[in-house]
């Protein structure tokens, strides 16, 4: 697994993200949150806000309450984005940092660009 502190340019980070392989096997958002926590614990860059953006188009098949609380408790700001119509709003709210109005977003697949500025604005302020 790549570490955040191994990459310092936007192009390096985009390259790493582009090469992520989806493991398949359904929607296991709790597992993804645990993986994100490990990533931040083992390689977060100093002086940079720790921000996770969770996108989902469905309901998780595993527990998200515990993993999302642990991720937030570790200092990570969590945004959640429900895409399409099959996401679970309560799960989005459970995962996201409070207040929900700043950290929970919903959009259709073809309209994700419309929420980009709101997410970037809040994320760049590190809150």
C-alpha atoms as a PDB file:
ATOM      1  CA  UNK A   1       0.000   0.000   0.000  1.00  0.00           C
ATOM      2  CA  UNK A   2       1.274   3.438  -0.905  1.00  0.00           C
ATOM      3  CA  UNK A   3       1.747   6.038   1.831  1.00  0.00           C
ATOM      4  CA  UNK A   4       0.653   9.682   1.771  1.00  0.00           C
ATOM      5  CA  UNK A   5       4.082  10.875   2.855  1.00  0.00           C
ATOM      6  CA  UNK A   6       5.698   9.211  -0.175  1.00  0.00           C
ATOM      7  CA  UNK A   7       4.041  11.623  -2.618  1.00  0.00           C
ATOM      8  CA  UNK A   8       4.455  15.385  -2.729  1.00  0.00           C
ATOM      9  CA  UNK A   9       3.118  16.462  -6.091  1.00  0.00           C
ATOM     10  CA  UNK A  10      -0.389  16.451  -7.470  1.00  0.00           C
ATOM     11  CA  UNK A  11       0.673  14.349 -10.451  1.00  0.00           C
ATOM     12  CA  UNK A  12       2.144  11.647  -8.180  1.00  0.00           C
ATOM     13  CA  UNK A  13      -1.035  11.516  -6.104  1.00  0.00           C
ATOM     14  CA  UNK A  14      -3.275  11.385  -9.184  1.00  0.00           C
ATOM     15  CA  UNK A  15      -1.118   8.551 -10.554  1.00  0.00           C
ATOM     16  CA  UNK A  16      -1.445   6.530  -7.334  1.00  0.00           C
ATOM     17  CA  UNK A  17      -5.217   7.066  -7.200  1.00  0.00           C
ATOM     18  CA  UNK A  18      -5.600   6.176 -10.882  1.00  0.00           C
ATOM     19  CA  UNK A  19      -3.813   2.865 -10.306  1.00  0.00           C
ATOM     20  CA  UNK A  20      -5.963   1.720  -7.371  1.00  0.00           C
ATOM     21  CA  UNK A  21      -7.520  -1.629  -8.177  1.00  0.00           C
ATOM     22  CA  UNK A  22     -11.100  -2.162  -7.064  1.00  0.00           C
ATOM     23  CA  UNK A  23     -11.164  -5.473  -5.173  1.00  0.00           C
ATOM     24  CA  UNK A  24     -14.794  -6.186  -5.997  1.00  0.00           C
ATOM     25  CA  UNK A  25     -16.991  -8.104  -3.546  1.00  0.00           C
ATOM     26  CA  UNK A  26     -19.710  -5.555  -2.921  1.00  0.00           C
ATOM     27  CA  UNK A  27     -19.954  -2.485  -0.728  1.00  0.00           C
ATOM     28  CA  UNK A  28     -17.848  -2.820   2.426  1.00  0.00           C
ATOM     29  CA  UNK A  29     -17.569   0.788   3.487  1.00  0.00           C
ATOM     30  CA  UNK A  30     -16.613  -0.076   7.076  1.00  0.00           C
ATOM     31  CA  UNK A  31     -13.580  -1.995   5.794  1.00  0.00           C
ATOM     32  CA  UNK A  32     -12.679   0.959   3.559  1.00  0.00           C
ATOM     33  CA  UNK A  33     -12.864   3.303   6.554  1.00  0.00           C
ATOM     34  CA  UNK A  34     -10.548   0.992   8.509  1.00  0.00           C
ATOM     35  CA  UNK A  35      -8.099   0.984   5.585  1.00  0.00           C
ATOM     36  CA  UNK A  36      -8.256   4.782   5.425  1.00  0.00           C
ATOM     37  CA  UNK A  37      -7.497   5.051   9.144  1.00  0.00           C
ATOM     38  CA  UNK A  38      -4.447   2.803   8.711  1.00  0.00           C
ATOM     39  CA  UNK A  39      -3.294   4.918   5.778  1.00  0.00           C
ATOM     40  CA  UNK A  40      -3.485   8.122   7.819  1.00  0.00           C
ATOM     41  CA  UNK A  41      -1.831   6.536  10.869  1.00  0.00           C
ATOM     42  CA  UNK A  42       1.066   5.142   8.873  1.00  0.00           C
ATOM     43  CA  UNK A  43       2.003   7.974   6.591  1.00  0.00           C
ATOM     44  CA  UNK A  44       0.087  11.207   6.973  1.00  0.00           C
ATOM     45  CA  UNK A  45       2.098  14.212   5.877  1.00  0.00           C
ATOM     46  CA  UNK A  46       3.016  16.709   8.608  1.00  0.00           C
ATOM     47  CA  UNK A  47       1.251  20.051   8.452  1.00  0.00           C
ATOM     48  CA  UNK A  48      -1.425  18.835   6.048  1.00  0.00           C
ATOM     49  CA  UNK A  49      -5.074  18.415   7.037  1.00  0.00           C
ATOM     50  CA  UNK A  50      -6.141  14.771   7.059  1.00  0.00           C
ATOM     51  CA  UNK A  51      -9.242  14.570   4.861  1.00  0.00           C
ATOM     52  CA  UNK A  52     -11.099  11.494   3.646  1.00  0.00           C
ATOM     53  CA  UNK A  53     -13.731  11.652   0.927  1.00  0.00           C
ATOM     54  CA  UNK A  54     -16.012   8.616   0.989  1.00  0.00           C
ATOM     55  CA  UNK A  55     -18.144   8.108  -2.115  1.00  0.00           C
ATOM     56  CA  UNK A  56     -20.781   5.429  -2.349  1.00  0.00           C
ATOM     57  CA  UNK A  57     -23.702   4.505  -4.536  1.00  0.00           C
ATOM     58  CA  UNK A  58     -25.128   1.886  -2.197  1.00  0.00           C
ATOM     59  CA  UNK A  59     -25.688   0.674   1.332  1.00  0.00           C
ATOM     60  CA  UNK A  60     -22.724  -0.846   3.126  1.00  0.00           C
ATOM     61  CA  UNK A  61     -22.771  -4.578   3.801  1.00  0.00           C
ATOM     62  CA  UNK A  62     -20.678  -4.120   6.943  1.00  0.00           C
ATOM     63  CA  UNK A  63     -20.692  -1.892  10.025  1.00  0.00           C
ATOM     64  CA  UNK A  64     -19.701   1.706   9.394  1.00  0.00           C
ATOM     65  CA  UNK A  65     -20.470   3.239  12.808  1.00  0.00           C
ATOM     66  CA  UNK A  66     -17.387   2.020  14.680  1.00  0.00           C
ATOM     67  CA  UNK A  67     -14.865   2.496  11.871  1.00  0.00           C
ATOM     68  CA  UNK A  68     -16.126   5.980  10.988  1.00  0.00           C
ATOM     69  CA  UNK A  69     -16.038   7.083  14.641  1.00  0.00           C
ATOM     70  CA  UNK A  70     -12.462   5.796  15.009  1.00  0.00           C
ATOM     71  CA  UNK A  71     -11.416   7.568  11.812  1.00  0.00           C
ATOM     72  CA  UNK A  72     -12.907  10.876  12.970  1.00  0.00           C
ATOM     73  CA  UNK A  73     -11.477  10.426  16.481  1.00  0.00           C
ATOM     74  CA  UNK A  74      -8.019  10.094  14.940  1.00  0.00           C
ATOM     75  CA  UNK A  75      -8.370  13.642  13.584  1.00  0.00           C
ATOM     76  CA  UNK A  76      -9.451  12.885  10.031  1.00  0.00           C
ATOM     77  CA  UNK A  77     -12.102  15.152   8.540  1.00  0.00           C
ATOM     78  CA  UNK A  78     -14.572  12.896   6.721  1.00  0.00           C
ATOM     79  CA  UNK A  79     -16.751  13.976   3.811  1.00  0.00           C
ATOM     80  CA  UNK A  80     -19.363  11.570   2.488  1.00  0.00           C
ATOM     81  CA  UNK A  81     -20.945  11.657  -0.944  1.00  0.00           C
ATOM     82  CA  UNK A  82     -23.988   9.637  -1.958  1.00  0.00           C
ATOM     83  CA  UNK A  83     -24.108   9.059  -5.695  1.00  0.00           C
ATOM     84  CA  UNK A  84     -27.263   8.144  -7.579  1.00  0.00           C
ATOM     85  CA  UNK A  85     -30.352   6.997  -5.709  1.00  0.00           C
ATOM     86  CA  UNK A  86     -29.374   3.824  -3.814  1.00  0.00           C
ATOM     87  CA  UNK A  87     -27.171   5.245  -1.064  1.00  0.00           C
ATOM     88  CA  UNK A  88     -28.294   5.324   2.581  1.00  0.00           C
ATOM     89  CA  UNK A  89     -28.531   8.922   3.863  1.00  0.00           C
ATOM     90  CA  UNK A  90     -28.210   7.782   7.490  1.00  0.00           C
ATOM     91  CA  UNK A  91     -24.922   6.053   6.610  1.00  0.00           C
ATOM     92  CA  UNK A  92     -23.633   9.202   4.910  1.00  0.00           C
ATOM     93  CA  UNK A  93     -24.494  11.201   8.030  1.00  0.00           C
ATOM     94  CA  UNK A  94     -22.954   8.556  10.324  1.00  0.00           C
ATOM     95  CA  UNK A  95     -19.657   8.598   8.426  1.00  0.00           C
ATOM     96  CA  UNK A  96     -19.234  12.333   7.977  1.00  0.00           C
ATOM     97  CA  UNK A  97     -17.704  14.857  10.316  1.00  0.00           C
ATOM     98  CA  UNK A  98     -20.262  17.226  11.891  1.00  0.00           C
ATOM     99  CA  UNK A  99     -21.931  19.416  10.856  1.00  0.00           C
ATOM    100  CA  UNK A 100     -23.591  17.324   8.157  1.00  0.00           C
ATOM    101  CA  UNK A 101     -24.485  20.444   6.149  1.00  0.00           C
ATOM    102  CA  UNK A 102     -20.779  20.953   5.426  1.00  0.00           C
ATOM    103  CA  UNK A 103     -19.682  17.319   5.079  1.00  0.00           C
ATOM    104  CA  UNK A 104     -22.552  15.301   3.523  1.00  0.00           C
ATOM    105  CA  UNK A 105     -23.299  15.618  -0.188  1.00  0.00           C
ATOM    106  CA  UNK A 106     -25.611  13.940  -2.679  1.00  0.00           C
ATOM    107  CA  UNK A 107     -25.450  13.982  -6.465  1.00  0.00           C
ATOM    108  CA  UNK A 108     -26.354  12.047  -9.568  1.00  0.00           C
ATOM    109  CA  UNK A 109     -23.426  10.456 -11.424  1.00  0.00           C
ATOM    110  CA  UNK A 110     -23.514  13.088 -14.164  1.00  0.00           C
ATOM    111  CA  UNK A 111     -23.743  15.997 -11.700  1.00  0.00           C
ATOM    112  CA  UNK A 112     -20.769  15.327  -9.406  1.00  0.00           C
ATOM    113  CA  UNK A 113     -19.072  18.471 -10.713  1.00  0.00           C
ATOM    114  CA  UNK A 114     -21.821  20.544  -9.079  1.00  0.00           C
ATOM    115  CA  UNK A 115     -20.685  19.639  -5.542  1.00  0.00           C
ATOM    116  CA  UNK A 116     -16.960  19.933  -6.235  1.00  0.00           C
ATOM    117  CA  UNK A 117     -16.593  23.597  -5.216  1.00  0.00           C
ATOM    118  CA  UNK A 118     -18.406  23.116  -1.898  1.00  0.00           C
ATOM    119  CA  UNK A 119     -16.196  20.153  -0.980  1.00  0.00           C
ATOM    120  CA  UNK A 120     -12.976  21.877  -2.080  1.00  0.00           C
ATOM    121  CA  UNK A 121     -13.884  25.063  -0.204  1.00  0.00           C
ATOM    122  CA  UNK A 122     -14.534  23.257   3.086  1.00  0.00           C
ATOM    123  CA  UNK A 123     -11.604  20.833   2.658  1.00  0.00           C
ATOM    124  CA  UNK A 124      -9.097  23.588   1.882  1.00  0.00           C
ATOM    125  CA  UNK A 125     -10.097  25.321   5.099  1.00  0.00           C
ATOM    126  CA  UNK A 126      -9.328  22.048   6.937  1.00  0.00           C
ATOM    127  CA  UNK A 127     -12.633  21.842   8.777  1.00  0.00           C
END
